[in-house]
Protein backbone atom coordinates (compact mmCIF):
# COMPACT_ATOMS: atom_id res chain seq x y z
CA MET A 1 26.05 -60.33 -17.14
CA PRO A 2 24.07 -58.48 -19.54
CA LEU A 3 25.18 -59.87 -23.29
CA PHE A 4 26.50 -56.01 -24.81
CA GLY A 5 27.41 -54.82 -21.62
CA GLY A 6 28.46 -54.74 -17.98
CA TYR A 7 30.82 -53.46 -14.85
CA LYS A 8 33.90 -51.43 -16.94
CA ALA A 9 36.28 -49.90 -14.28
CA ASN A 10 37.41 -46.87 -16.03
CA LYS A 11 33.98 -45.92 -17.55
CA LEU A 12 33.04 -45.58 -14.08
CA LYS A 13 35.46 -43.68 -13.23
CA THR A 14 35.23 -41.80 -15.73
CA ASN A 15 31.94 -40.41 -15.32
CA LEU A 16 32.44 -40.36 -11.29
CA LYS A 17 34.74 -37.28 -12.25
CA MET A 18 32.37 -35.76 -14.57
CA ALA A 19 30.20 -35.61 -11.50
CA VAL A 20 32.35 -34.49 -9.64
CA SER A 21 32.60 -31.61 -11.99
CA ARG A 22 29.36 -31.62 -12.59
CA PHE A 23 28.94 -31.14 -8.75
CA THR A 24 30.67 -27.90 -8.96
CA ILE A 25 29.01 -26.17 -11.31
CA ALA A 26 25.49 -26.86 -10.15
CA SER A 27 26.43 -25.33 -6.92
CA ASN A 28 28.11 -22.04 -8.09
CA LYS A 29 24.87 -21.62 -10.13
CA LYS A 30 22.69 -21.88 -7.39
CA SER A 31 24.79 -20.69 -4.66
CA ALA A 32 24.93 -17.33 -7.74
CA LEU A 33 21.21 -17.11 -7.70
CA MET A 34 20.48 -17.60 -4.07
CA LYS A 35 22.08 -14.23 -3.56
CA GLN A 36 19.56 -12.72 -6.17
CA GLN A 37 17.31 -14.29 -4.08
CA ILE A 38 18.54 -12.58 -1.00
CA ARG A 39 17.91 -9.85 -2.19
CA GLU A 40 14.57 -9.96 -3.47
CA ILE A 41 13.23 -10.21 -0.37
CA ALA A 42 14.71 -7.66 1.47
CA LYS A 43 12.94 -5.60 -1.07
CA LEU A 44 9.87 -7.16 -0.21
CA LEU A 45 10.40 -6.92 3.73
CA ALA A 46 11.05 -3.11 3.27
CA GLU A 47 8.13 -2.65 1.43
CA ASP A 48 5.56 -0.44 3.25
CA PRO A 49 3.39 -2.49 4.27
CA PRO A 50 6.11 -5.56 3.88
CA LYS A 51 4.76 -8.39 1.87
CA GLU A 52 5.71 -10.99 4.55
CA GLU A 53 3.62 -13.62 2.68
CA LYS A 54 5.44 -13.40 -0.63
CA ALA A 55 8.45 -13.12 1.30
CA ARG A 56 8.05 -16.45 3.02
CA ILE A 57 7.34 -18.10 -0.38
CA ARG A 58 10.65 -17.05 -1.42
CA ALA A 59 12.47 -18.18 2.06
CA GLU A 60 10.91 -21.68 1.52
CA ALA A 61 12.75 -21.74 -2.28
CA LEU A 62 16.15 -20.34 -0.71
CA ILE A 63 15.83 -22.54 1.99
CA ARG A 64 14.96 -25.39 -0.61
CA ASP A 65 17.80 -24.70 -3.41
CA ASP A 66 19.99 -23.55 -0.10
CA ASP A 67 19.59 -27.45 0.97
CA THR A 68 20.07 -29.12 -2.24
CA VAL A 69 23.67 -27.40 -2.77
CA GLU A 70 24.23 -28.73 0.39
CA ALA A 71 23.15 -32.14 -0.40
CA TYR A 72 25.38 -31.66 -3.78
CA GLU A 73 28.16 -30.80 -1.73
CA ILE A 74 27.79 -34.26 0.28
CA LEU A 75 27.55 -36.22 -2.85
CA GLN A 76 30.38 -34.83 -4.62
CA LEU A 77 32.62 -36.20 -1.68
CA SER A 78 30.61 -39.66 -2.20
CA CYS A 79 31.87 -39.54 -5.46
CA GLU A 80 35.45 -38.16 -5.12
CA LEU A 81 35.30 -41.41 -2.39
CA LEU A 82 34.47 -44.05 -5.57
CA SER A 83 37.04 -42.59 -7.48
CA GLU A 84 40.12 -42.90 -5.51
CA ARG A 85 39.12 -46.35 -4.10
CA ILE A 86 37.81 -47.71 -7.49
CA ASN A 87 40.08 -50.74 -7.95
CA LEU A 88 39.08 -52.14 -4.31
CA ILE A 89 35.40 -52.19 -5.57
CA THR A 90 36.57 -53.36 -8.70
CA GLN A 91 38.49 -56.70 -7.00
CA SER A 92 35.13 -57.08 -4.42
CA LYS A 93 32.50 -59.02 -5.29
CA GLU A 94 30.23 -57.29 -3.07
CA CYS A 95 29.75 -53.82 -1.58
CA PRO A 96 32.47 -53.09 1.08
CA ALA A 97 31.07 -52.83 4.57
CA ASP A 98 32.49 -49.40 4.78
CA MET A 99 31.27 -47.90 1.99
CA LEU A 100 27.59 -49.74 2.02
CA SER A 101 26.10 -46.39 2.61
CA THR A 102 27.84 -44.27 0.26
CA VAL A 103 27.37 -46.31 -2.80
CA ALA A 104 23.61 -47.27 -1.64
CA THR A 105 23.25 -42.76 -1.45
CA ILE A 106 24.63 -42.38 -4.80
CA ILE A 107 22.15 -45.14 -6.13
CA TRP A 108 19.41 -43.39 -4.64
CA ALA A 109 19.80 -39.58 -5.74
CA SER A 110 20.95 -40.59 -9.03
CA SER A 111 16.74 -40.91 -9.56
CA ILE A 112 16.39 -37.39 -7.60
CA VAL A 113 19.42 -34.66 -8.59
CA ASP A 114 19.34 -33.52 -12.28
CA ILE A 115 22.97 -34.43 -12.51
CA PRO A 116 22.98 -37.46 -15.91
CA GLU A 117 26.44 -38.76 -14.87
CA LEU A 118 25.53 -40.14 -11.55
CA ILE A 119 22.59 -42.16 -14.16
CA GLU A 120 25.96 -44.35 -16.20
CA VAL A 121 27.46 -44.63 -12.61
CA ARG A 122 24.22 -46.40 -10.87
CA LYS A 123 24.27 -48.69 -13.55
CA GLN A 124 27.99 -49.57 -13.80
CA LEU A 125 27.47 -50.35 -10.06
CA ARG A 126 24.04 -52.51 -10.99
CA TYR A 127 26.20 -53.94 -12.65
CA LYS A 128 29.20 -54.96 -10.26
CA PHE A 129 26.45 -55.79 -7.13
CA GLY A 130 23.17 -57.14 -8.65
CA ALA A 131 19.80 -55.76 -8.94
CA ALA A 132 18.91 -57.16 -5.74
CA PHE A 133 21.58 -54.39 -4.30
CA ASP A 134 20.06 -51.60 -6.33
CA GLU A 135 16.81 -52.10 -4.98
CA MET A 136 17.71 -52.23 -1.41
CA ALA A 137 19.35 -48.91 -1.79
CA MET A 138 15.73 -47.35 -3.66
CA ARG A 139 13.39 -48.40 -0.79
CA ASN A 140 16.31 -47.78 1.80
CA VAL A 141 16.28 -51.29 4.11
CA ASP A 142 17.91 -50.59 7.46
CA GLY A 143 18.46 -47.21 7.20
CA ILE A 144 21.45 -47.18 4.66
CA LEU A 145 20.89 -44.09 3.42
CA ASN A 146 22.84 -41.22 4.33
CA GLU A 147 20.22 -39.30 6.93
CA ARG A 148 21.82 -36.30 5.82
CA VAL A 149 21.15 -36.20 2.13
CA THR A 150 17.83 -37.92 1.84
CA SER A 151 16.34 -34.85 4.13
CA LYS A 152 18.07 -32.44 2.31
CA LEU A 153 16.89 -34.06 -0.48
CA SER A 154 12.85 -34.71 0.93
CA VAL A 155 9.97 -32.94 -0.94
CA GLN A 156 8.11 -32.37 2.48
CA PRO A 157 8.39 -28.68 3.19
CA PRO A 158 10.54 -26.94 5.73
CA ALA A 159 9.19 -25.39 9.06
CA ALA A 160 7.89 -22.53 9.61
CA TYR A 161 10.19 -21.62 12.73
CA ARG A 162 13.04 -22.13 9.94
CA VAL A 163 11.38 -20.16 7.25
CA GLN A 164 11.21 -17.51 9.98
CA THR A 165 14.38 -17.64 11.11
CA TYR A 166 16.05 -16.49 7.45
CA LEU A 167 13.63 -14.23 6.90
CA GLU A 168 15.04 -12.29 10.45
CA LYS A 169 18.71 -13.49 8.83
CA ILE A 170 18.34 -11.18 5.79
CA SER A 171 15.80 -8.82 7.92
CA ASP A 172 19.42 -8.10 9.81
CA GLU A 173 21.87 -8.45 7.05
CA HIS A 174 20.44 -5.76 4.66
CA GLN A 175 19.51 -4.11 7.87
CA VAL A 176 16.00 -3.91 6.80
CA GLY A 177 13.90 -3.06 10.42
CA TRP A 178 11.43 -6.01 9.55
CA LYS A 179 9.69 -7.55 12.35
CA PRO A 180 6.72 -10.21 11.61
CA THR A 181 3.71 -8.95 13.06
CA VAL A 182 2.10 -12.46 13.81
CA PRO A 183 4.36 -13.97 16.02
CA LEU A 184 4.79 -17.82 15.50
CA GLN A 185 2.94 -19.89 18.07
CA ALA A 186 4.46 -23.26 19.75
CA LYS A 187 2.49 -25.39 17.86
CA ASP A 188 3.27 -23.81 14.73
CA ILE A 189 7.28 -24.60 15.24
CA SER A 190 7.90 -27.51 13.84
CA GLN A 191 5.05 -27.17 11.23
CA PRO A 192 5.43 -26.17 7.94
CA MET A 193 4.89 -22.23 6.79
CA ALA A 194 0.68 -21.60 6.75
CA ALA A 195 -1.09 -20.95 3.07
CA PRO A 196 -1.11 -17.60 2.34
CA ILE A 197 -4.08 -15.90 2.78
CA GLY A 198 -3.64 -12.70 0.26
CA LYS A 199 -3.34 -10.47 3.17
CA ASP A 200 -0.77 -8.41 1.80
CA VAL A 201 -2.49 -8.45 -2.01
CA ALA A 202 -3.78 -4.72 -2.63
CA GLU A 203 -7.94 -4.61 -3.77
CA GLY A 204 -8.31 -3.23 -7.54
CA ALA A 205 -3.50 -3.84 -8.03
CA GLY A 206 -4.88 -4.57 -11.72
CA SER A 207 -5.75 -1.17 -12.32
CA GLY A 208 -4.27 0.61 -8.82
CA LEU A 209 -7.99 2.07 -8.21
CA GLY A 210 -8.22 0.07 -5.04
CA ALA A 211 -7.56 1.06 -1.58
CA PRO A 212 -4.10 0.52 -0.44
CA VAL A 213 -3.31 -2.17 1.93
CA LEU A 214 -3.64 -0.85 4.90
CA PRO A 215 -1.13 -2.41 8.59
CA THR A 216 -3.43 -4.55 10.69
CA THR A 217 -3.99 -2.43 13.77
CA THR A 218 -6.65 -3.23 16.36
CA PRO A 219 -10.16 -2.03 15.65
CA VAL A 220 -11.82 0.78 17.35
CA VAL A 221 -15.01 0.27 18.99
CA LEU A 222 -17.19 3.08 19.41
CA PRO A 223 -20.15 3.40 22.07
CA VAL A 224 -23.17 2.64 21.07
CA PRO A 225 -26.08 4.61 22.72
CA PRO A 226 -29.03 2.81 24.33
CA LYS A 227 -32.20 2.37 21.89
CA ASP A 228 -34.30 4.27 24.64
CA THR A 229 -32.06 7.56 24.42
CA GLU A 230 -33.23 10.37 22.49
CA ILE A 231 -30.17 11.90 20.94
CA ALA A 232 -31.05 15.87 20.85
CA TYR A 233 -30.39 17.57 17.51
CA THR A 234 -28.29 20.88 17.92
CA PRO A 235 -28.44 22.77 14.29
CA VAL A 236 -24.95 23.28 13.06
CA LEU A 237 -24.69 27.25 11.83
CA PRO A 238 -21.99 29.17 9.83
CA PRO A 239 -19.81 31.65 11.97
CA PRO A 240 -21.06 35.15 11.71
CA VAL A 241 -19.43 37.52 9.23
CA VAL A 242 -18.15 40.24 10.57
CA PRO A 243 -16.12 43.20 8.13
CA ASP A 244 -12.35 43.97 9.07
CA LYS A 245 -12.55 47.74 10.62
CA ASP A 246 -9.36 48.26 9.09
CA ASP A 247 -11.06 48.87 6.09
CA ASP A 248 -13.44 51.20 7.14
CA ASP A 249 -12.22 53.36 10.68
CA ASP A 250 -16.33 54.77 10.66
CA PHE A 251 -17.88 51.42 10.99
CA ASN A 252 -19.53 50.32 14.06
CA ILE A 253 -21.25 47.40 14.05
CA ASP A 254 -24.55 48.61 16.33
CA ASP A 255 -25.55 51.55 14.17
CA PRO A 256 -28.27 50.47 11.10
CA PRO A 257 -26.58 50.49 7.54
CA ASP A 258 -27.91 53.95 5.73
CA ILE A 259 -30.83 53.13 3.24
CA PRO A 260 -31.02 55.79 0.72
CA TYR A 261 -34.32 56.55 -0.13
CA ILE A 262 -36.19 56.44 -3.83
CA PRO A 263 -39.49 57.81 -4.03
CA ALA A 264 -41.93 56.27 -5.71
CA ALA A 265 -42.94 56.49 -9.53
CA PRO A 266 -46.76 57.92 -10.05
CA LYS A 267 -48.85 55.83 -11.62
CA SER A 268 -50.44 56.83 -14.54
CA GLN A 269 -53.83 56.82 -15.36
CA PRO A 270 -56.21 55.99 -17.73
CA HIS A 271 -58.07 58.16 -20.04
CA SER A 272 -61.37 56.84 -22.10
CA GLY A 273 -61.23 57.56 -25.92
CA SER A 274 -63.94 60.29 -26.78
CA ASN A 275 -62.91 62.90 -24.05
CA SER A 276 -59.32 62.52 -24.16
CA ASN A 277 -58.90 66.00 -25.65
CA ASN A 278 -61.82 67.70 -23.26
CA ASN A 279 -59.84 66.08 -20.67
CA THR A 280 -56.52 68.07 -21.56
CA GLU A 281 -57.76 71.05 -22.30
CA ILE A 282 -59.29 71.30 -18.52
CA SER A 283 -56.10 69.55 -16.89
CA ASN A 284 -54.25 72.46 -18.76
CA ARG A 285 -56.18 75.33 -18.19
CA GLY A 286 -56.40 74.46 -14.46
CA ARG A 287 -52.27 73.93 -14.18
CA THR A 288 -52.33 77.70 -15.75
CA GLN A 289 -54.44 78.76 -12.57
CA ARG A 290 -52.60 77.08 -10.36
CA ALA A 291 -49.56 78.59 -11.31
CA GLY A 292 -50.39 81.73 -11.48
CA GLU A 293 -52.16 81.88 -8.24
CA ASN A 294 -49.06 80.33 -6.43
CA SER A 295 -46.56 83.38 -8.36
CA LYS A 296 -49.09 85.98 -6.46
CA SER A 297 -48.94 84.35 -3.09
CA ASN A 298 -44.98 83.92 -3.38
CA VAL A 299 -44.88 87.91 -4.23
CA ASP A 300 -47.05 88.02 -1.21
CA ASP A 301 -44.71 86.23 1.21
CA ASP A 302 -41.85 87.28 0.01
CA GLU A 303 -43.49 91.59 1.15
CA GLU A 304 -44.18 90.09 4.34
CA ASP A 305 -40.75 88.80 4.74
CA LYS A 306 -39.06 92.71 4.02
CA THR A 307 -41.51 94.14 6.48
CA GLY A 308 -40.78 92.09 9.25
CA GLY A 309 -37.28 91.97 8.81
CA ASP A 310 -37.07 95.85 8.85
CA ASP A 311 -39.22 96.06 12.05
CA ASP A 312 -36.58 93.50 14.05
CA TYR A 313 -34.34 95.21 12.92
CA ASN A 314 -35.49 99.00 14.07
CA ASP A 315 -35.69 96.78 17.54
CA LEU A 316 -32.64 95.54 17.92
CA ALA A 317 -31.52 98.72 16.75
CA LYS A 318 -33.29 100.66 19.67
CA ARG A 319 -31.80 97.65 22.47
CA PHE A 320 -28.44 98.62 20.88
CA ALA A 321 -28.86 101.93 22.00
CA MET A 322 -30.34 101.53 24.98
CA LEU A 323 -27.67 99.06 26.26
CA SER A 324 -24.65 101.93 25.06
CA LYS A 325 -26.00 104.54 26.70
């Protein structure tokens, strides 16, 4: 027995009752956090495309918290049992056979769970039953520990089948309608969840300029022509533009368009510097003579037209008179 300490029944009972209250508070806190985690997982599964990898990681954390709460409840019952049998423990030199597993499990769990009162409980039980019993409990000699508590507080990840079962239940509860894209194989059911490969991470996620993540589909394989085959080139011409007939009722596509005739401008003749004045006078005289001749010819033509017109009229008058007889 240590000089400044030893087994104290009152101290053991007080810490056991405080541990029961601490377990209740921790369980309620984790239960509230798990409800929030379930809503977040449902949102991940409801996205298009669903973020399965992130949802599976969140589901694994949810399973671990769920197992921890389950272990807390078992340890809480164990603490209540020791508190009620404190007198039996005090009067016994060795641990009672019916309480061996309960006492050993509390000693083992004191170094794993975040309940400070269990550390003091372990000290009191060590003082009562000796260091050998404490070491036997920590090593789980002869399997004296509660298997359910040790499995729930284990560091091993949950099986992939259990993770997928949680996701399916969350999907049904929140009416998400999610189904796993890749079904589990028989060999992977009892194995831990596979590590993520990043298929749900979009390209350029930081800037938002990358391509979106598309759902996984079977690639389409196009037929490849043989190398010796020549592919004829067919040019693609635009369709002809035909005006609307409502705009012009007289439109006919067979009629050629009317193009106005514009006569070409006369070309100017270059003149020499010394004879420019003489050439000008000669050209003016020629124009005057041609104008006179043209005027005389016009007068003669008019007289001939008048004479020919009178003869024609007289002939028509004679024919009309003969017909009237």
